[in-house]
PDB file of N, CA and C in Angstrom:
ATOM      1  N   MET A   1     -33.703  13.362 -34.757  1.00  0.00           N
ATOM      2  CA  MET A   1     -32.404  12.761 -35.277  1.00  0.00           C
ATOM      3  C   MET A   1     -31.204  13.467 -34.516  1.00  0.00           C
ATOM      4  N   ARG A   2     -30.267  12.688 -33.999  1.00  0.00           N
ATOM      5  CA  ARG A   2     -29.148  12.979 -33.102  1.00  0.00           C
ATOM      6  C   ARG A   2     -28.008  13.271 -34.057  1.00  0.00           C
ATOM      7  N   ALA A   3     -27.261  14.308 -33.946  1.00  0.00           N
ATOM      8  CA  ALA A   3     -25.906  14.179 -34.672  1.00  0.00           C
ATOM      9  C   ALA A   3     -24.950  13.212 -34.078  1.00  0.00           C
ATOM     10  N   ARG A   4     -24.208  12.657 -34.915  1.00  0.00           N
ATOM     11  CA  ARG A   4     -23.091  11.604 -34.487  1.00  0.00           C
ATOM     12  C   ARG A   4     -22.030  12.511 -33.725  1.00  0.00           C
ATOM     13  N   THR A   5     -21.617  12.000 -32.629  1.00  0.00           N
ATOM     14  CA  THR A   5     -20.403  12.536 -32.171  1.00  0.00           C
ATOM     15  C   THR A   5     -19.207  11.626 -32.181  1.00  0.00           C
ATOM     16  N   ARG A   6     -18.106  12.420 -32.546  1.00  0.00           N
ATOM     17  CA  ARG A   6     -16.972  11.820 -32.936  1.00  0.00           C
ATOM     18  C   ARG A   6     -16.152  11.588 -31.542  1.00  0.00           C
ATOM     19  N   LYS A   7     -15.650  10.273 -31.346  1.00  0.00           N
ATOM     20  CA  LYS A   7     -14.862  10.130 -30.159  1.00  0.00           C
ATOM     21  C   LYS A   7     -13.423  10.601 -30.433  1.00  0.00           C
ATOM     22  N   LYS A   8     -12.869  11.368 -29.628  1.00  0.00           N
ATOM     23  CA  LYS A   8     -11.493  11.857 -29.633  1.00  0.00           C
ATOM     24  C   LYS A   8     -10.565  10.568 -29.682  1.00  0.00           C
ATOM     25  N   LYS A   9      -9.671  10.306 -30.379  1.00  0.00           N
ATOM     26  CA  LYS A   9      -8.765   9.275 -30.494  1.00  0.00           C
ATOM     27  C   LYS A   9      -7.748   9.597 -29.230  1.00  0.00           C
ATOM     28  N   ALA A  10      -7.229   8.749 -28.332  1.00  0.00           N
ATOM     29  CA  ALA A  10      -6.310   9.158 -27.399  1.00  0.00           C
ATOM     30  C   ALA A  10      -4.882   8.924 -28.175  1.00  0.00           C
ATOM     31  N   THR A  11      -4.193   9.944 -27.791  1.00  0.00           N
ATOM     32  CA  THR A  11      -2.717   9.690 -28.271  1.00  0.00           C
ATOM     33  C   THR A  11      -2.024   8.907 -27.477  1.00  0.00           C
ATOM     34  N   ARG A  12      -1.014   8.539 -27.810  1.00  0.00           N
ATOM     35  CA  ARG A  12      -0.237   7.588 -27.081  1.00  0.00           C
ATOM     36  C   ARG A  12       0.292   8.062 -25.572  1.00  0.00           C
ATOM     37  N   MET A  13       0.349   9.163 -25.329  1.00  0.00           N
ATOM     38  CA  MET A  13       0.740   9.704 -23.903  1.00  0.00           C
ATOM     39  C   MET A  13      -0.607   9.827 -23.098  1.00  0.00           C
ATOM     40  N   ASP A  14      -1.738   9.830 -23.872  1.00  0.00           N
ATOM     41  CA  ASP A  14      -2.993  10.032 -23.021  1.00  0.00           C
ATOM     42  C   ASP A  14      -3.328   8.769 -22.467  1.00  0.00           C
ATOM     43  N   ARG A  15      -3.156   7.648 -23.031  1.00  0.00           N
ATOM     44  CA  ARG A  15      -3.672   6.265 -22.451  1.00  0.00           C
ATOM     45  C   ARG A  15      -2.766   5.882 -21.123  1.00  0.00           C
ATOM     46  N   ARG A  16      -3.460   5.426 -20.339  1.00  0.00           N
ATOM     47  CA  ARG A  16      -2.751   4.792 -19.161  1.00  0.00           C
ATOM     48  C   ARG A  16      -2.212   3.427 -19.662  1.00  0.00           C
ATOM     49  N   ARG A  17      -1.096   2.977 -18.980  1.00  0.00           N
ATOM     50  CA  ARG A  17      -0.519   1.801 -19.187  1.00  0.00           C
ATOM     51  C   ARG A  17      -0.615   0.929 -18.061  1.00  0.00           C
ATOM     52  N   GLN A  18      -0.541  -0.297 -18.275  1.00  0.00           N
ATOM     53  CA  GLN A  18      -0.349  -1.387 -17.114  1.00  0.00           C
ATOM     54  C   GLN A  18       0.904  -1.969 -16.833  1.00  0.00           C
ATOM     55  N   VAL A  19       1.127  -1.969 -15.615  1.00  0.00           N
ATOM     56  CA  VAL A  19       2.389  -2.628 -15.206  1.00  0.00           C
ATOM     57  C   VAL A  19       2.118  -3.691 -14.182  1.00  0.00           C
ATOM     58  N   ASN A  20       2.704  -4.818 -14.575  1.00  0.00           N
ATOM     59  CA  ASN A  20       2.435  -6.116 -13.655  1.00  0.00           C
ATOM     60  C   ASN A  20       3.882  -6.494 -12.946  1.00  0.00           C
ATOM     61  N   VAL A  21       3.853  -6.316 -11.783  1.00  0.00           N
ATOM     62  CA  VAL A  21       5.042  -6.364 -10.950  1.00  0.00           C
ATOM     63  C   VAL A  21       4.977  -7.487  -9.890  1.00  0.00           C
ATOM     64  N   ARG A  22       5.846  -8.395  -9.840  1.00  0.00           N
ATOM     65  CA  ARG A  22       5.961  -9.306  -8.639  1.00  0.00           C
ATOM     66  C   ARG A  22       6.662  -8.495  -7.468  1.00  0.00           C
ATOM     67  N   VAL A  23       6.322  -8.687  -6.138  1.00  0.00           N
ATOM     68  CA  VAL A  23       7.066  -8.156  -5.204  1.00  0.00           C
ATOM     69  C   VAL A  23       7.124  -9.231  -4.070  1.00  0.00           C
ATOM     70  N   GLU A  24       7.986  -9.026  -3.217  1.00  0.00           N
ATOM     71  CA  GLU A  24       8.175  -9.757  -2.087  1.00  0.00           C
ATOM     72  C   GLU A  24       6.977  -9.931  -1.268  1.00  0.00           C
ATOM     73  N   PRO A  25       6.844 -10.999  -0.507  1.00  0.00           N
ATOM     74  CA  PRO A  25       5.506 -11.135   0.327  1.00  0.00           C
ATOM     75  C   PRO A  25       5.445  -9.955   1.431  1.00  0.00           C
ATOM     76  N   ALA A  26       6.707  -9.795   1.827  1.00  0.00           N
ATOM     77  CA  ALA A  26       6.650  -8.764   3.029  1.00  0.00           C
ATOM     78  C   ALA A  26       6.257  -7.311   2.364  1.00  0.00           C
ATOM     79  N   LEU A  27       6.668  -7.000   1.194  1.00  0.00           N
ATOM     80  CA  LEU A  27       6.336  -5.791   0.543  1.00  0.00           C
ATOM     81  C   LEU A  27       4.919  -5.651   0.160  1.00  0.00           C
ATOM     82  N   TYR A  28       4.378  -6.933  -0.104  1.00  0.00           N
ATOM     83  CA  TYR A  28       2.885  -6.956  -0.334  1.00  0.00           C
ATOM     84  C   TYR A  28       2.112  -6.879   0.902  1.00  0.00           C
ATOM     85  N   GLN A  29       2.463  -7.328   1.983  1.00  0.00           N
ATOM     86  CA  GLN A  29       1.831  -7.154   3.203  1.00  0.00           C
ATOM     87  C   GLN A  29       1.857  -5.803   3.706  1.00  0.00           C
ATOM     88  N   ALA A  30       2.922  -4.961   3.407  1.00  0.00           N
ATOM     89  CA  ALA A  30       3.116  -3.747   3.656  1.00  0.00           C
ATOM     90  C   ALA A  30       2.047  -2.801   2.818  1.00  0.00           C
ATOM     91  N   LEU A  31       1.946  -3.229   1.519  1.00  0.00           N
ATOM     92  CA  LEU A  31       0.934  -2.529   0.654  1.00  0.00           C
ATOM     93  C   LEU A  31      -0.410  -2.875   1.178  1.00  0.00           C
ATOM     94  N   GLU A  32      -0.767  -4.038   1.526  1.00  0.00           N
ATOM     95  CA  GLU A  32      -1.891  -4.318   2.260  1.00  0.00           C
ATOM     96  C   GLU A  32      -2.356  -3.687   3.389  1.00  0.00           C
ATOM     97  N   ALA A  33      -1.388  -3.181   4.142  1.00  0.00           N
ATOM     98  CA  ALA A  33      -1.500  -2.569   5.420  1.00  0.00           C
ATOM     99  C   ALA A  33      -1.864  -1.070   5.079  1.00  0.00           C
ATOM    100  N   LEU A  34      -1.018  -0.520   4.301  1.00  0.00           N
ATOM    101  CA  LEU A  34      -1.208   0.785   3.839  1.00  0.00           C
ATOM    102  C   LEU A  34      -2.562   1.120   3.221  1.00  0.00           C
ATOM    103  N   ALA A  35      -2.963   0.147   2.337  1.00  0.00           N
ATOM    104  CA  ALA A  35      -4.114   0.285   1.668  1.00  0.00           C
ATOM    105  C   ALA A  35      -5.324   0.196   2.707  1.00  0.00           C
ATOM    106  N   ARG A  36      -5.315  -0.532   3.689  1.00  0.00           N
ATOM    107  CA  ARG A  36      -6.322  -0.748   4.670  1.00  0.00           C
ATOM    108  C   ARG A  36      -6.312   0.628   5.347  1.00  0.00           C
ATOM    109  N   GLN A  37      -5.123   1.298   5.863  1.00  0.00           N
ATOM    110  CA  GLN A  37      -5.167   2.297   6.629  1.00  0.00           C
ATOM    111  C   GLN A  37      -5.593   3.587   5.854  1.00  0.00           C
ATOM    112  N   GLU A  38      -5.498   3.695   4.414  1.00  0.00           N
ATOM    113  CA  GLU A  38      -5.925   4.718   3.550  1.00  0.00           C
ATOM    114  C   GLU A  38      -7.423   4.423   3.043  1.00  0.00           C
ATOM    115  N   GLY A  39      -7.983   3.177   3.298  1.00  0.00           N
ATOM    116  CA  GLY A  39      -9.353   2.994   2.653  1.00  0.00           C
ATOM    117  C   GLY A  39      -9.192   2.654   1.148  1.00  0.00           C
ATOM    118  N   ARG A  40      -8.060   2.170   0.826  1.00  0.00           N
ATOM    119  CA  ARG A  40      -7.864   2.076  -0.771  1.00  0.00           C
ATOM    120  C   ARG A  40      -7.734   0.474  -1.024  1.00  0.00           C
ATOM    121  N   SER A  41      -7.737   0.309  -2.353  1.00  0.00           N
ATOM    122  CA  SER A  41      -7.450  -1.151  -2.738  1.00  0.00           C
ATOM    123  C   SER A  41      -5.962  -1.163  -2.898  1.00  0.00           C
ATOM    124  N   VAL A  42      -5.426  -2.423  -2.952  1.00  0.00           N
ATOM    125  CA  VAL A  42      -3.897  -2.597  -2.856  1.00  0.00           C
ATOM    126  C   VAL A  42      -3.506  -2.052  -4.093  1.00  0.00           C
ATOM    127  N   SER A  43      -3.991  -2.220  -5.244  1.00  0.00           N
ATOM    128  CA  SER A  43      -3.576  -1.684  -6.523  1.00  0.00           C
ATOM    129  C   SER A  43      -3.475  -0.104  -6.614  1.00  0.00           C
ATOM    130  N   GLN A  44      -4.448   0.524  -5.987  1.00  0.00           N
ATOM    131  CA  GLN A  44      -4.476   1.870  -5.785  1.00  0.00           C
ATOM    132  C   GLN A  44      -3.306   2.449  -4.859  1.00  0.00           C
ATOM    133  N   ALA A  45      -3.172   1.722  -3.633  1.00  0.00           N
ATOM    134  CA  ALA A  45      -2.094   1.953  -2.882  1.00  0.00           C
ATOM    135  C   ALA A  45      -0.752   1.752  -3.569  1.00  0.00           C
ATOM    136  N   ALA A  46      -0.559   0.785  -4.403  1.00  0.00           N
ATOM    137  CA  ALA A  46       0.671   0.574  -5.010  1.00  0.00           C
ATOM    138  C   ALA A  46       0.938   1.739  -6.134  1.00  0.00           C
ATOM    139  N   ARG A  47      -0.171   2.054  -6.901  1.00  0.00           N
ATOM    140  CA  ARG A  47       0.104   3.121  -7.819  1.00  0.00           C
ATOM    141  C   ARG A  47       0.366   4.437  -7.258  1.00  0.00           C
ATOM    142  N   GLN A  48      -0.057   4.847  -6.095  1.00  0.00           N
ATOM    143  CA  GLN A  48       0.051   5.998  -5.320  1.00  0.00           C
ATOM    144  C   GLN A  48       1.642   6.000  -5.009  1.00  0.00           C
ATOM    145  N   SER A  49       1.994   4.800  -4.375  1.00  0.00           N
ATOM    146  CA  SER A  49       3.299   4.710  -3.770  1.00  0.00           C
ATOM    147  C   SER A  49       4.306   4.992  -4.980  1.00  0.00           C
ATOM    148  N   ILE A  50       3.947   4.336  -6.217  1.00  0.00           N
ATOM    149  CA  ILE A  50       5.021   4.237  -7.347  1.00  0.00           C
ATOM    150  C   ILE A  50       5.021   5.793  -7.782  1.00  0.00           C
ATOM    151  N   GLU A  51       3.950   6.424  -7.900  1.00  0.00           N
ATOM    152  CA  GLU A  51       3.841   7.887  -8.345  1.00  0.00           C
ATOM    153  C   GLU A  51       4.594   8.564  -7.323  1.00  0.00           C
ATOM    154  N   ALA A  52       4.434   8.518  -6.120  1.00  0.00           N
ATOM    155  CA  ALA A  52       5.073   9.347  -5.140  1.00  0.00           C
ATOM    156  C   ALA A  52       6.618   9.177  -5.172  1.00  0.00           C
ATOM    157  N   GLY A  53       7.090   7.699  -5.302  1.00  0.00           N
ATOM    158  CA  GLY A  53       8.490   7.570  -5.334  1.00  0.00           C
ATOM    159  C   GLY A  53       9.236   8.029  -6.600  1.00  0.00           C
ATOM    160  N   LEU A  54       8.316   8.137  -7.792  1.00  0.00           N
ATOM    161  CA  LEU A  54       8.820   8.654  -9.189  1.00  0.00           C
ATOM    162  C   LEU A  54       8.997  10.167  -8.961  1.00  0.00           C
ATOM    163  N   ARG A  55       8.115  10.827  -8.332  1.00  0.00           N
ATOM    164  CA  ARG A  55       8.125  12.229  -8.201  1.00  0.00           C
ATOM    165  C   ARG A  55       9.259  12.628  -7.536  1.00  0.00           C
ATOM    166  N   GLN A  56       9.554  11.915  -6.240  1.00  0.00           N
ATOM    167  CA  GLN A  56      10.804  12.110  -5.313  1.00  0.00           C
ATOM    168  C   GLN A  56      12.056  11.952  -6.069  1.00  0.00           C
ATOM    169  N   ARG A  57      12.170  10.836  -6.818  1.00  0.00           N
ATOM    170  CA  ARG A  57      13.329  10.428  -7.572  1.00  0.00           C
ATOM    171  C   ARG A  57      13.536  11.409  -8.484  1.00  0.00           C
ATOM    172  N   LEU A  58      12.527  12.042  -9.221  1.00  0.00           N
ATOM    173  CA  LEU A  58      12.798  12.832 -10.342  1.00  0.00           C
ATOM    174  C   LEU A  58      13.023  14.198  -9.986  1.00  0.00           C
ATOM    175  N   GLY A  59      13.216  14.507  -8.826  1.00  0.00           N
ATOM    176  CA  GLY A  59      13.585  15.749  -8.231  1.00  0.00           C
ATOM    177  C   GLY A  59      12.280  16.499  -7.866  1.00  0.00           C
ATOM    178  N   SER A  60      11.198  15.811  -7.322  1.00  0.00           N
ATOM    179  CA  SER A  60      10.023  16.454  -6.806  1.00  0.00           C
ATOM    180  C   SER A  60       9.435  17.326  -7.863  1.00  0.00           C
ATOM    181  N   LEU A  61       9.401  16.882  -9.043  1.00  0.00           N
ATOM    182  CA  LEU A  61       8.736  17.372 -10.180  1.00  0.00           C
ATOM    183  C   LEU A  61       7.222  17.477  -9.930  1.00  0.00           C
ATOM    184  N   ALA A  62       6.599  18.503  -9.875  1.00  0.00           N
ATOM    185  CA  ALA A  62       5.109  18.593  -9.934  1.00  0.00           C
ATOM    186  C   ALA A  62       4.373  17.968 -10.899  1.00  0.00           C
ATOM    187  N   VAL A  63       3.318  17.049 -10.678  1.00  0.00           N
ATOM    188  CA  VAL A  63       2.391  16.568 -11.575  1.00  0.00           C
ATOM    189  C   VAL A  63       1.437  17.870 -11.787  1.00  0.00           C
ATOM    190  N   ALA A  64       0.869  17.703 -13.024  1.00  0.00           N
ATOM    191  CA  ALA A  64      -0.206  18.747 -13.618  1.00  0.00           C
ATOM    192  C   ALA A  64      -1.308  18.728 -12.447  1.00  0.00           C
ATOM    193  N   ASP A  65      -1.763  17.761 -12.074  1.00  0.00           N
ATOM    194  CA  ASP A  65      -2.806  17.659 -11.007  1.00  0.00           C
ATOM    195  C   ASP A  65      -2.486  18.067  -9.513  1.00  0.00           C
ATOM    196  N   ASP A  66      -1.294  18.277  -9.257  1.00  0.00           N
ATOM    197  CA  ASP A  66      -0.786  18.641  -7.755  1.00  0.00           C
ATOM    198  C   ASP A  66      -1.161  19.919  -7.445  1.00  0.00           C
ATOM    199  N   THR A  67      -1.617  20.148  -6.353  1.00  0.00           N
ATOM    200  CA  THR A  67      -1.834  21.534  -5.781  1.00  0.00           C
ATOM    201  C   THR A  67      -0.616  22.127  -5.194  1.00  0.00           C
ATOM    202  N   SER A  68      -0.265  23.276  -5.543  1.00  0.00           N
ATOM    203  CA  SER A  68       1.037  24.077  -4.990  1.00  0.00           C
ATOM    204  C   SER A  68       0.696  24.418  -3.513  1.00  0.00           C
ATOM    205  N   GLY A  69       1.678  24.596  -2.749  1.00  0.00           N
ATOM    206  CA  GLY A  69       1.433  25.035  -1.333  1.00  0.00           C
ATOM    207  C   GLY A  69       0.772  26.256  -1.150  1.00  0.00           C
ATOM    208  N   GLN A  70       1.217  27.290  -2.016  1.00  0.00           N
ATOM    209  CA  GLN A  70       0.411  28.536  -2.051  1.00  0.00           C
ATOM    210  C   GLN A  70      -1.126  28.426  -2.324  1.00  0.00           C
ATOM    211  N   GLU A  71      -1.429  27.540  -3.222  1.00  0.00           N
ATOM    212  CA  GLU A  71      -2.938  27.251  -3.428  1.00  0.00           C
ATOM    213  C   GLU A  71      -3.417  26.766  -2.190  1.00  0.00           C
ATOM    214  N   ILE A  72      -2.912  25.850  -1.363  1.00  0.00           N
ATOM    215  CA  ILE A  72      -3.332  25.147  -0.289  1.00  0.00           C
ATOM    216  C   ILE A  72      -3.449  26.237   0.672  1.00  0.00           C
ATOM    217  N   ALA A  73      -2.425  26.971   0.897  1.00  0.00           N
ATOM    218  CA  ALA A  73      -2.357  27.985   2.140  1.00  0.00           C
ATOM    219  C   ALA A  73      -3.772  29.069   1.631  1.00  0.00           C
ATOM    220  N   ALA A  74      -3.930  29.517   0.414  1.00  0.00           N
ATOM    221  CA  ALA A  74      -4.819  30.336   0.163  1.00  0.00           C
ATOM    222  C   ALA A  74      -6.229  29.825   0.163  1.00  0.00           C
ATOM    223  N   LEU A  75      -6.425  28.370   0.052  1.00  0.00           N
ATOM    224  CA  LEU A  75      -7.685  27.791   0.546  1.00  0.00           C
ATOM    225  C   LEU A  75      -7.902  27.786   1.808  1.00  0.00           C
ATOM    226  N   ALA A  76      -6.860  27.435   2.655  1.00  0.00           N
ATOM    227  CA  ALA A  76      -7.022  27.419   4.169  1.00  0.00           C
ATOM    228  C   ALA A  76      -7.441  28.889   4.737  1.00  0.00           C
ATOM    229  N   ALA A  77      -6.796  29.728   4.097  1.00  0.00           N
ATOM    230  CA  ALA A  77      -6.980  31.200   4.803  1.00  0.00           C
ATOM    231  C   ALA A  77      -8.468  31.661   4.327  1.00  0.00           C
ATOM    232  N   ALA A  78      -8.935  31.290   3.029  1.00  0.00           N
ATOM    233  CA  ALA A  78     -10.186  31.506   2.656  1.00  0.00           C
ATOM    234  C   ALA A  78     -11.264  30.716   3.569  1.00  0.00           C
ATOM    235  N   GLY A  79     -11.074  29.650   3.769  1.00  0.00           N
ATOM    236  CA  GLY A  79     -11.883  28.897   4.406  1.00  0.00           C
ATOM    237  C   GLY A  79     -11.999  29.155   6.010  1.00  0.00           C
ATOM    238  N   GLY A  80     -11.123  29.986   6.500  1.00  0.00           N
ATOM    239  CA  GLY A  80     -11.264  30.475   7.793  1.00  0.00           C
ATOM    240  C   GLY A  80     -10.495  29.671   8.814  1.00  0.00           C
ATOM    241  N   ALA A  81      -9.480  28.875   8.301  1.00  0.00           N
ATOM    242  CA  ALA A  81      -8.836  27.733   9.052  1.00  0.00           C
ATOM    243  C   ALA A  81      -7.912  28.609  10.018  1.00  0.00           C
ATOM    244  N   PHE A  82      -7.418  29.630   9.676  1.00  0.00           N
ATOM    245  CA  PHE A  82      -6.472  30.447  10.646  1.00  0.00           C
ATOM    246  C   PHE A  82      -7.076  31.816  11.067  1.00  0.00           C
ATOM    247  N   ASP A  83      -8.478  31.932  11.366  1.00  0.00           N
ATOM    248  CA  ASP A  83      -9.088  32.888  11.865  1.00  0.00           C
ATOM    249  C   ASP A  83      -8.835  33.213  13.322  1.00  0.00           C
ATOM    250  N   TRP A  84      -8.645  32.106  13.949  1.00  0.00           N
ATOM    251  CA  TRP A  84      -8.491  32.145  15.421  1.00  0.00           C
ATOM    252  C   TRP A  84      -7.088  32.819  15.902  1.00  0.00           C
ATOM    253  N   LEU A  85      -6.224  32.925  14.880  1.00  0.00           N
ATOM    254  CA  LEU A  85      -4.813  33.569  15.029  1.00  0.00           C
ATOM    255  C   LEU A  85      -4.984  34.938  15.248  1.00  0.00           C
ATOM    256  N   ALA A  86      -6.061  35.555  14.645  1.00  0.00           N
ATOM    257  CA  ALA A  86      -6.228  37.031  14.927  1.00  0.00           C
ATOM    258  C   ALA A  86      -6.462  37.588  16.204  1.00  0.00           C
ATOM    259  N   GLU A  87      -7.012  36.622  17.074  1.00  0.00           N
ATOM    260  CA  GLU A  87      -7.232  36.805  18.460  1.00  0.00           C
ATOM    261  C   GLU A  87      -5.995  36.565  19.532  1.00  0.00           C
ATOM    262  N   GLU A  88      -4.957  35.855  18.928  1.00  0.00           N
ATOM    263  CA  GLU A  88      -3.909  35.441  19.668  1.00  0.00           C
ATOM    264  C   GLU A  88      -2.950  36.669  19.713  1.00  0.00           C
ATOM    265  N   PRO A  89      -2.352  36.887  21.052  1.00  0.00           N
ATOM    266  CA  PRO A  89      -1.424  37.884  21.204  1.00  0.00           C
ATOM    267  C   PRO A  89      -0.014  37.724  20.351  1.00  0.00           C
ATOM    268  N   ASP A  90       0.520  38.870  19.893  1.00  0.00           N
ATOM    269  CA  ASP A  90       1.653  38.715  19.096  1.00  0.00           C
ATOM    270  C   ASP A  90       2.983  38.609  20.212  1.00  0.00           C
ATOM    271  N   LEU A  91       3.409  37.325  20.295  1.00  0.00           N
ATOM    272  CA  LEU A  91       4.544  37.199  21.398  1.00  0.00           C
ATOM    273  C   LEU A  91       5.809  37.460  20.781  1.00  0.00           C
ATOM    274  N   TYR A  92       5.962  37.456  19.340  1.00  0.00           N
ATOM    275  CA  TYR A  92       7.423  37.468  18.820  1.00  0.00           C
ATOM    276  C   TYR A  92       7.295  38.747  17.911  1.00  0.00           C
ATOM    277  N   ASP A  93       8.462  39.333  17.509  1.00  0.00           N
ATOM    278  CA  ASP A  93       8.220  40.044  16.342  1.00  0.00           C
ATOM    279  C   ASP A  93       9.669  40.095  15.671  1.00  0.00           C
ATOM    280  N   ASP A  94      10.079  41.002  14.829  1.00  0.00           N
ATOM    281  CA  ASP A  94      11.341  40.731  14.106  1.00  0.00           C
ATOM    282  C   ASP A  94      12.625  41.191  14.939  1.00  0.00           C
ATOM    283  N   THR A  95      12.294  41.849  16.138  1.00  0.00           N
ATOM    284  CA  THR A  95      13.518  42.057  16.910  1.00  0.00           C
ATOM    285  C   THR A  95      13.890  41.024  17.918  1.00  0.00           C
ATOM    286  N   CYS A  96      13.065  39.891  18.033  1.00  0.00           N
ATOM    287  CA  CYS A  96      13.440  38.823  18.892  1.00  0.00           C
ATOM    288  C   CYS A  96      14.581  37.829  18.356  1.00  0.00           C
ATOM    289  N   GLY A  97      15.087  37.199  19.235  1.00  0.00           N
ATOM    290  CA  GLY A  97      16.244  36.305  18.839  1.00  0.00           C
ATOM    291  C   GLY A  97      17.427  37.107  18.286  1.00  0.00           C
ATOM    292  N   GLU A  98      18.205  36.293  17.736  1.00  0.00           N
ATOM    293  CA  GLU A  98      19.543  36.788  17.184  1.00  0.00           C
ATOM    294  C   GLU A  98      19.390  37.527  15.903  1.00  0.00           C
ATOM    295  N   PRO A  99      20.215  38.495  15.536  1.00  0.00           N
ATOM    296  CA  PRO A  99      20.101  39.396  14.402  1.00  0.00           C
ATOM    297  C   PRO A  99      20.602  38.518  13.160  1.00  0.00           C
ATOM    298  N   LEU A 100      19.940  38.580  12.060  1.00  0.00           N
ATOM    299  CA  LEU A 100      20.344  37.995  10.923  1.00  0.00           C
ATOM    300  C   LEU A 100      21.694  38.652  10.316  1.00  0.00           C
ATOM    301  N   GLU A 101      22.649  37.744   9.902  1.00  0.00           N
ATOM    302  CA  GLU A 101      23.864  38.265   9.248  1.00  0.00           C
ATOM    303  C   GLU A 101      23.971  38.130   7.704  1.00  0.00           C
TER     304      GLU A 101
END
């Protein structure tokens, strides 16, 4: 006999909302081209574009699922993406160029 599991009710903020928007044909064609280029559906490309535009407009506030630049750099370093730099000669140091004032 299985115990019943309760489904957690989604709060108002947890639920995704739908937005139906009419756009000019030229904008729709641009969305189609972007979607083809990224291998996405038109609706996915539209959602991504809206989210990116809102983040930029709201002052580049990071969304909870965004990865910070420091985390990306740590992943690249841990993955060996920059290992080849260890073999490169040091062409510049902090005495090169103009002194900072």
